[in-house]
Amino acid sequence: MSAAGRAGDAANRYGLLVVLAGLLLTFSLVRPAFATYGNALIVLQSVAVVGVVALGVTVSMTTGGFDLSAGACVGTVVMVTALAMVRYNLTGASAVVAGLLAGLLVAGVNVLLTVVARVPDLVATLGTMFLFQGLALIVTSGQSVAAGMTVDGAPAPGRYTEGFAWLGGGTIASVPVPVVVFALLAVAVHVLLGHTRWGRALYAIGGNAEAARLAGIRVARYRALGYVISGLCAALGGILLSARLGRGDVGAGDPYLLQSVAAALIGFAVLGTNRPNALGTVVGALFIGVVINGMTMLNAPYYAQTFVQGALLVGSLVMSFGLARGGREGRTSR
């Protein structure tokens, strides 16, 4: 193999990891408090919800889909869980069930549009995004939901329960609950995609849906499964976010679409997989968390953080995909 080919392969496999290691080293040297156990937990907790949502988006991507409704699903679930406890005085367990059902509703609409009506995924999920963003605003009259709010001229009868709030602020062996949920879900998705026949079928559909159909794979069923898992993961992320906020804020889920999609796409560049995968998505989520946390500790203005984050992401992807492509072309020319 030529030197260009070896360099391309190395960049494809390890480029993003090298950039991440460089960021960790730089932030640690400039701000020693960055390299502490406490700050590591802060980073992990800050990316837990993004990671949970991104893992669902990753599964939908394996079939060639693209779930743009994930952020709207998170926001809808935040409002649904808040309404369940604050306005209707239901238990935390009932709020969790209501949130998961809301996620399944979003997934059901996506399945109807993409699988049944055969609307292109990007267009269908974009429509679903606007639909449920608007629905959440209509149900709450565009207002946030919090304990003590006025409902029909009287204070709301309920509040967030302690058990539900524990999901967002509690710990298990000093590790925040959202981080534990993120880790367990990452393992589950990794096993599903990499070590089961369902995962192989999902990847086969994403590679060539017609060939998968001819091989006997029920393409429609597996594509529906991908969106159901994505909807449930977004719902789980919404439940964790609602528990952390302690209220239902309008637009709470809006930032999670771009961040979760970015984490899933960055995952393509980890270890040269060049396809959706759970390990890559976890690394992508951590990459985003490290950049945001490091920039915050450097007191960078909020309006500069988005630009720096985007520049680093673009640079990392160019390093991974661009150099790898150059290496493959070098080998082909030989």
Protein backbone atom coordinates (compact mmCIF):
# COMPACT_ATOMS: atom_id res chain seq x y z
CA MET A 1 0.00 0.00 0.00
CA SER A 2 1.31 3.47 -0.87
CA ALA A 3 2.09 6.14 1.72
CA ALA A 4 -0.96 8.11 0.56
CA GLY A 5 -3.13 5.05 1.00
CA ARG A 6 -1.83 4.38 4.50
CA ALA A 7 -2.32 8.04 5.45
CA GLY A 8 -5.85 7.99 4.10
CA ASP A 9 -6.73 4.82 5.98
CA ALA A 10 -5.27 6.21 9.20
CA ALA A 11 -7.18 9.48 8.80
CA ASN A 12 -10.40 7.61 8.11
CA ARG A 13 -10.04 5.43 11.18
CA TYR A 14 -8.44 7.71 13.75
CA GLY A 15 -8.78 11.31 12.51
CA LEU A 16 -11.73 12.27 14.69
CA LEU A 17 -10.27 10.51 17.75
CA VAL A 18 -7.01 12.44 17.30
CA VAL A 19 -8.92 15.73 17.14
CA LEU A 20 -10.91 14.81 20.24
CA ALA A 21 -7.74 13.87 22.12
CA GLY A 22 -6.17 17.17 21.04
CA LEU A 23 -9.15 19.11 22.35
CA LEU A 24 -9.04 17.27 25.67
CA LEU A 25 -5.32 18.00 26.05
CA THR A 26 -5.66 21.66 25.06
CA PHE A 27 -8.57 22.41 27.38
CA SER A 28 -6.85 20.54 30.23
CA LEU A 29 -3.66 22.57 29.86
CA VAL A 30 -5.42 25.92 29.56
CA ARG A 31 -8.01 25.19 32.27
CA PRO A 32 -6.79 22.50 34.74
CA ALA A 33 -10.30 22.31 36.23
CA PHE A 34 -11.42 20.81 32.92
CA ALA A 35 -9.52 17.58 33.62
CA THR A 36 -11.34 16.71 36.84
CA TYR A 37 -13.76 13.91 37.64
CA GLY A 38 -16.47 16.38 38.56
CA ASN A 39 -16.21 18.20 35.25
CA ALA A 40 -16.18 14.88 33.38
CA LEU A 41 -19.52 14.07 34.98
CA ILE A 42 -20.80 17.52 33.97
CA VAL A 43 -19.79 16.86 30.35
CA LEU A 44 -21.38 13.43 30.37
CA GLN A 45 -24.59 14.74 31.90
CA SER A 46 -24.77 17.59 29.39
CA VAL A 47 -24.56 15.18 26.44
CA ALA A 48 -26.72 12.40 27.90
CA VAL A 49 -29.99 13.64 26.41
CA VAL A 50 -28.33 14.48 23.08
CA GLY A 51 -26.75 11.03 23.03
CA VAL A 52 -30.02 9.23 23.80
CA VAL A 53 -31.81 11.07 21.00
CA ALA A 54 -28.86 10.59 18.62
CA LEU A 55 -28.84 6.83 19.17
CA GLY A 56 -32.43 6.71 17.96
CA VAL A 57 -31.58 8.84 14.94
CA THR A 58 -28.70 6.45 14.26
CA VAL A 59 -31.06 3.48 14.07
CA SER A 60 -33.34 5.31 11.64
CA MET A 61 -30.31 6.12 9.48
CA THR A 62 -29.35 2.46 9.12
CA THR A 63 -32.29 1.89 6.78
CA GLY A 64 -31.48 4.97 4.72
CA GLY A 65 -33.96 7.10 6.65
CA PHE A 66 -33.40 10.44 8.32
CA ASP A 67 -35.54 11.47 11.31
CA LEU A 68 -35.82 15.26 11.36
CA SER A 69 -38.71 15.05 13.83
CA ALA A 70 -36.51 13.94 16.75
CA GLY A 71 -36.20 17.42 18.27
CA ALA A 72 -39.92 18.09 17.96
CA CYS A 73 -40.59 14.72 19.61
CA VAL A 74 -38.35 15.70 22.54
CA GLY A 75 -40.19 18.99 22.94
CA THR A 76 -43.62 17.35 22.70
CA VAL A 77 -42.72 14.78 25.36
CA VAL A 78 -41.43 17.51 27.68
CA MET A 79 -44.77 19.30 27.42
CA VAL A 80 -46.83 16.10 27.71
CA THR A 81 -45.06 14.93 30.87
CA ALA A 82 -45.34 18.39 32.41
CA LEU A 83 -49.05 18.59 31.64
CA ALA A 84 -49.63 15.10 33.01
CA MET A 85 -48.18 15.93 36.42
CA VAL A 86 -48.88 19.66 36.81
CA ARG A 87 -52.25 20.15 35.15
CA TYR A 88 -53.79 16.70 35.57
CA ASN A 89 -52.05 15.76 38.84
CA LEU A 90 -50.96 12.32 37.62
CA THR A 91 -48.12 10.27 39.07
CA GLY A 92 -44.58 10.31 37.72
CA ALA A 93 -45.02 6.79 36.36
CA SER A 94 -48.12 7.88 34.47
CA ALA A 95 -46.17 10.82 33.04
CA VAL A 96 -43.44 8.45 31.81
CA VAL A 97 -46.03 6.26 30.11
CA ALA A 98 -47.68 9.33 28.56
CA GLY A 99 -44.29 10.51 27.28
CA LEU A 100 -43.47 7.16 25.70
CA LEU A 101 -46.91 7.05 24.06
CA ALA A 102 -46.30 10.52 22.65
CA GLY A 103 -43.04 9.26 21.17
CA LEU A 104 -44.85 6.33 19.61
CA LEU A 105 -47.43 8.73 18.16
CA VAL A 106 -44.68 10.73 16.46
CA ALA A 107 -43.12 7.52 15.19
CA GLY A 108 -46.50 6.32 13.94
CA VAL A 109 -46.99 9.44 11.85
CA ASN A 110 -43.52 9.02 10.40
CA VAL A 111 -44.24 5.40 9.52
CA LEU A 112 -47.53 6.29 7.85
CA LEU A 113 -45.85 8.96 5.76
CA THR A 114 -42.62 7.17 4.83
CA VAL A 115 -43.64 3.49 4.70
CA VAL A 116 -47.33 3.58 3.83
CA ALA A 117 -47.61 6.77 1.77
CA ARG A 118 -43.98 6.47 0.55
CA VAL A 119 -43.22 10.13 1.05
CA PRO A 120 -39.43 10.77 0.98
CA ASP A 121 -38.01 10.58 4.48
CA LEU A 122 -36.61 14.10 4.68
CA VAL A 123 -39.87 15.67 3.51
CA ALA A 124 -42.04 13.42 5.69
CA THR A 125 -40.12 13.90 8.92
CA LEU A 126 -39.79 17.63 8.26
CA GLY A 127 -43.59 17.79 8.05
CA THR A 128 -43.89 15.75 11.24
CA MET A 129 -41.49 18.13 12.95
CA PHE A 130 -43.66 21.17 12.19
CA LEU A 131 -46.84 19.24 13.01
CA PHE A 132 -45.81 18.32 16.54
CA GLN A 133 -44.07 21.60 17.26
CA GLY A 134 -47.36 23.30 16.48
CA LEU A 135 -49.39 20.73 18.40
CA ALA A 136 -47.33 21.26 21.56
CA LEU A 137 -47.95 25.00 21.30
CA ILE A 138 -51.67 24.54 20.72
CA VAL A 139 -52.14 22.19 23.67
CA THR A 140 -50.34 24.56 26.05
CA SER A 141 -51.56 27.80 24.41
CA GLY A 142 -47.92 28.67 23.79
CA GLN A 143 -47.13 28.86 27.51
CA SER A 144 -44.66 26.98 29.67
CA VAL A 145 -46.04 24.46 32.16
CA ALA A 146 -44.85 24.77 35.75
CA ALA A 147 -46.12 24.12 39.26
CA GLY A 148 -48.37 26.92 40.46
CA MET A 149 -49.41 28.01 36.99
CA THR A 150 -52.94 29.29 36.54
CA VAL A 151 -55.40 26.97 34.82
CA ASP A 152 -58.92 28.29 34.19
CA GLY A 153 -58.44 30.96 36.82
CA ALA A 154 -57.16 28.61 39.53
CA PRO A 155 -53.71 27.26 40.45
CA ALA A 156 -52.76 23.99 38.76
CA PRO A 157 -53.45 21.06 41.11
CA GLY A 158 -50.24 19.10 40.57
CA ARG A 159 -46.46 19.32 40.58
CA TYR A 160 -43.43 17.32 39.50
CA THR A 161 -43.11 14.27 41.69
CA GLU A 162 -39.87 13.42 43.49
CA GLY A 163 -39.57 10.10 41.71
CA PHE A 164 -39.87 11.71 38.29
CA ALA A 165 -37.42 14.49 39.20
CA TRP A 166 -34.91 11.81 40.26
CA LEU A 167 -34.68 10.72 36.63
CA GLY A 168 -33.12 14.05 35.78
CA GLY A 169 -31.19 14.94 38.91
CA GLY A 170 -30.62 11.69 40.81
CA THR A 171 -27.49 9.57 40.90
CA ILE A 172 -26.60 5.87 40.90
CA ALA A 173 -23.28 5.24 42.64
CA SER A 174 -22.44 8.96 42.22
CA VAL A 175 -23.13 8.80 38.46
CA PRO A 176 -26.07 10.93 37.22
CA VAL A 177 -29.08 8.88 36.18
CA PRO A 178 -29.19 10.33 32.62
CA VAL A 179 -25.57 9.22 32.10
CA VAL A 180 -26.42 5.69 33.24
CA VAL A 181 -29.43 5.60 30.90
CA PHE A 182 -27.27 6.87 28.02
CA ALA A 183 -24.63 4.19 28.66
CA LEU A 184 -27.15 1.36 28.89
CA LEU A 185 -28.96 2.49 25.75
CA ALA A 186 -25.66 2.78 23.86
CA VAL A 187 -24.82 -0.82 24.74
CA ALA A 188 -28.30 -1.97 23.72
CA VAL A 189 -28.13 -0.19 20.34
CA HIS A 190 -24.60 -1.47 19.75
CA VAL A 191 -25.74 -5.03 20.36
CA LEU A 192 -28.85 -4.56 18.21
CA LEU A 193 -26.99 -3.16 15.20
CA GLY A 194 -23.82 -5.17 15.41
CA HIS A 195 -24.75 -8.54 16.83
CA THR A 196 -28.31 -9.43 15.81
CA ARG A 197 -30.05 -10.44 12.60
CA TRP A 198 -32.32 -7.41 12.98
CA GLY A 199 -29.29 -5.14 12.85
CA ARG A 200 -27.92 -6.91 9.78
CA ALA A 201 -31.30 -6.53 8.10
CA LEU A 202 -31.40 -2.81 8.91
CA TYR A 203 -27.96 -2.27 7.39
CA ALA A 204 -28.87 -4.35 4.35
CA ILE A 205 -31.90 -2.16 3.70
CA GLY A 206 -29.81 0.97 4.02
CA GLY A 207 -27.27 -0.43 1.58
CA ASN A 208 -29.74 -1.55 -1.08
CA ALA A 209 -33.42 -1.78 -0.22
CA GLU A 210 -34.37 -3.62 -3.42
CA ALA A 211 -31.66 -6.24 -2.98
CA ALA A 212 -32.76 -6.69 0.63
CA ARG A 213 -36.35 -7.21 -0.50
CA LEU A 214 -35.29 -9.81 -3.04
CA ALA A 215 -33.33 -11.56 -0.29
CA GLY A 216 -36.54 -11.99 1.67
CA ILE A 217 -36.19 -9.12 4.14
CA ARG A 218 -39.46 -7.37 4.98
CA VAL A 219 -38.25 -3.89 4.14
CA ALA A 220 -41.39 -2.00 5.20
CA ARG A 221 -41.45 -3.70 8.59
CA TYR A 222 -37.80 -2.94 9.33
CA ARG A 223 -38.08 0.66 8.17
CA ALA A 224 -41.04 1.06 10.50
CA LEU A 225 -38.98 -0.50 13.30
CA GLY A 226 -36.24 2.06 12.71
CA TYR A 227 -38.64 4.97 13.16
CA VAL A 228 -40.31 3.38 16.18
CA ILE A 229 -36.95 3.01 17.92
CA SER A 230 -36.05 6.58 16.98
CA GLY A 231 -39.35 7.86 18.39
CA LEU A 232 -38.93 5.92 21.64
CA CYS A 233 -35.36 7.17 22.08
CA ALA A 234 -36.48 10.76 21.48
CA ALA A 235 -39.30 10.22 23.99
CA LEU A 236 -36.81 8.87 26.53
CA GLY A 237 -34.63 11.90 25.95
CA GLY A 238 -37.66 14.15 26.44
CA ILE A 239 -38.51 12.44 29.72
CA LEU A 240 -34.95 12.91 31.02
CA LEU A 241 -34.93 16.55 29.90
CA SER A 242 -38.31 17.24 31.49
CA ALA A 243 -37.13 15.70 34.75
CA ARG A 244 -33.97 17.82 34.68
CA LEU A 245 -35.80 21.08 33.90
CA GLY A 246 -38.62 20.50 36.38
CA ARG A 247 -41.02 22.27 34.03
CA GLY A 248 -42.32 22.16 30.49
CA ASP A 249 -40.62 24.94 28.56
CA VAL A 250 -41.86 25.87 25.11
CA GLY A 251 -39.23 24.95 22.52
CA ALA A 252 -37.20 22.89 25.00
CA GLY A 253 -36.51 20.25 22.35
CA ASP A 254 -35.45 22.59 19.54
CA PRO A 255 -31.65 22.41 20.09
CA TYR A 256 -31.67 18.62 20.16
CA LEU A 257 -32.38 18.08 16.48
CA LEU A 258 -29.17 19.56 15.12
CA GLN A 259 -27.01 18.25 17.94
CA SER A 260 -28.36 14.71 17.73
CA VAL A 261 -28.08 14.60 13.94
CA ALA A 262 -24.55 16.01 14.17
CA ALA A 263 -23.56 13.36 16.71
CA ALA A 264 -24.96 10.58 14.51
CA LEU A 265 -23.25 11.91 11.38
CA ILE A 266 -19.92 12.38 13.15
CA GLY A 267 -20.18 8.73 14.14
CA PHE A 268 -19.68 7.79 10.48
CA ALA A 269 -16.08 9.01 10.78
CA VAL A 270 -15.13 6.97 13.85
CA LEU A 271 -12.80 4.01 13.23
CA GLY A 272 -13.53 4.08 9.51
CA THR A 273 -17.02 2.59 9.78
CA ASN A 274 -18.53 5.03 7.23
CA ARG A 275 -22.02 4.01 8.32
CA PRO A 276 -24.35 4.69 11.27
CA ASN A 277 -23.11 2.97 14.43
CA ALA A 278 -23.65 3.27 18.17
CA LEU A 279 -19.99 3.66 19.17
CA GLY A 280 -19.47 6.45 16.66
CA THR A 281 -22.60 8.24 17.85
CA VAL A 282 -21.38 8.11 21.45
CA VAL A 283 -18.04 9.60 20.38
CA GLY A 284 -19.87 12.25 18.35
CA ALA A 285 -22.00 13.25 21.33
CA LEU A 286 -18.91 13.44 23.56
CA PHE A 287 -17.15 15.53 20.92
CA ILE A 288 -19.97 18.07 20.98
CA GLY A 289 -20.05 18.08 24.80
CA VAL A 290 -16.30 18.57 25.11
CA VAL A 291 -16.32 21.51 22.68
CA ILE A 292 -19.22 23.26 24.43
CA ASN A 293 -17.84 22.64 27.93
CA GLY A 294 -14.31 23.69 27.01
CA MET A 295 -15.48 26.87 25.30
CA THR A 296 -17.64 27.70 28.31
CA MET A 297 -14.71 27.27 30.70
CA LEU A 298 -12.67 29.57 28.46
CA ASN A 299 -15.43 32.18 28.87
CA ALA A 300 -16.01 32.29 25.13
CA PRO A 301 -19.08 34.34 24.19
CA TYR A 302 -22.13 32.27 23.38
CA TYR A 303 -22.29 33.63 19.84
CA ALA A 304 -18.76 32.37 19.14
CA GLN A 305 -19.31 28.88 20.53
CA THR A 306 -21.59 27.79 17.72
CA PHE A 307 -19.09 28.93 15.08
CA VAL A 308 -16.13 27.20 16.76
CA GLN A 309 -18.17 24.05 17.26
CA GLY A 310 -19.16 24.00 13.59
CA ALA A 311 -15.60 24.71 12.42
CA LEU A 312 -14.20 21.86 14.48
CA LEU A 313 -16.89 19.47 13.26
CA VAL A 314 -16.31 20.39 9.63
CA GLY A 315 -12.55 20.08 10.05
CA SER A 316 -12.89 16.69 11.70
CA LEU A 317 -15.16 15.36 8.97
CA VAL A 318 -12.87 16.66 6.22
CA MET A 319 -9.91 15.00 7.92
CA SER A 320 -11.75 11.70 8.20
CA PHE A 321 -13.57 11.54 4.85
CA GLY A 322 -11.51 13.79 2.58
CA LEU A 323 -8.12 12.30 3.35
CA ALA A 324 -9.55 8.78 3.33
CA ARG A 325 -11.03 9.37 -0.12
CA GLY A 326 -7.68 10.66 -1.30
CA GLY A 327 -6.02 7.53 -0.03
CA ARG A 328 -8.53 5.28 -1.82
CA GLU A 329 -8.02 7.21 -5.06
CA GLY A 330 -4.27 6.84 -4.66
CA ARG A 331 -4.60 3.08 -4.36
CA THR A 332 -6.95 2.95 -7.35
CA SER A 333 -4.53 4.87 -9.57
CA ARG A 334 -1.87 2.29 -8.82
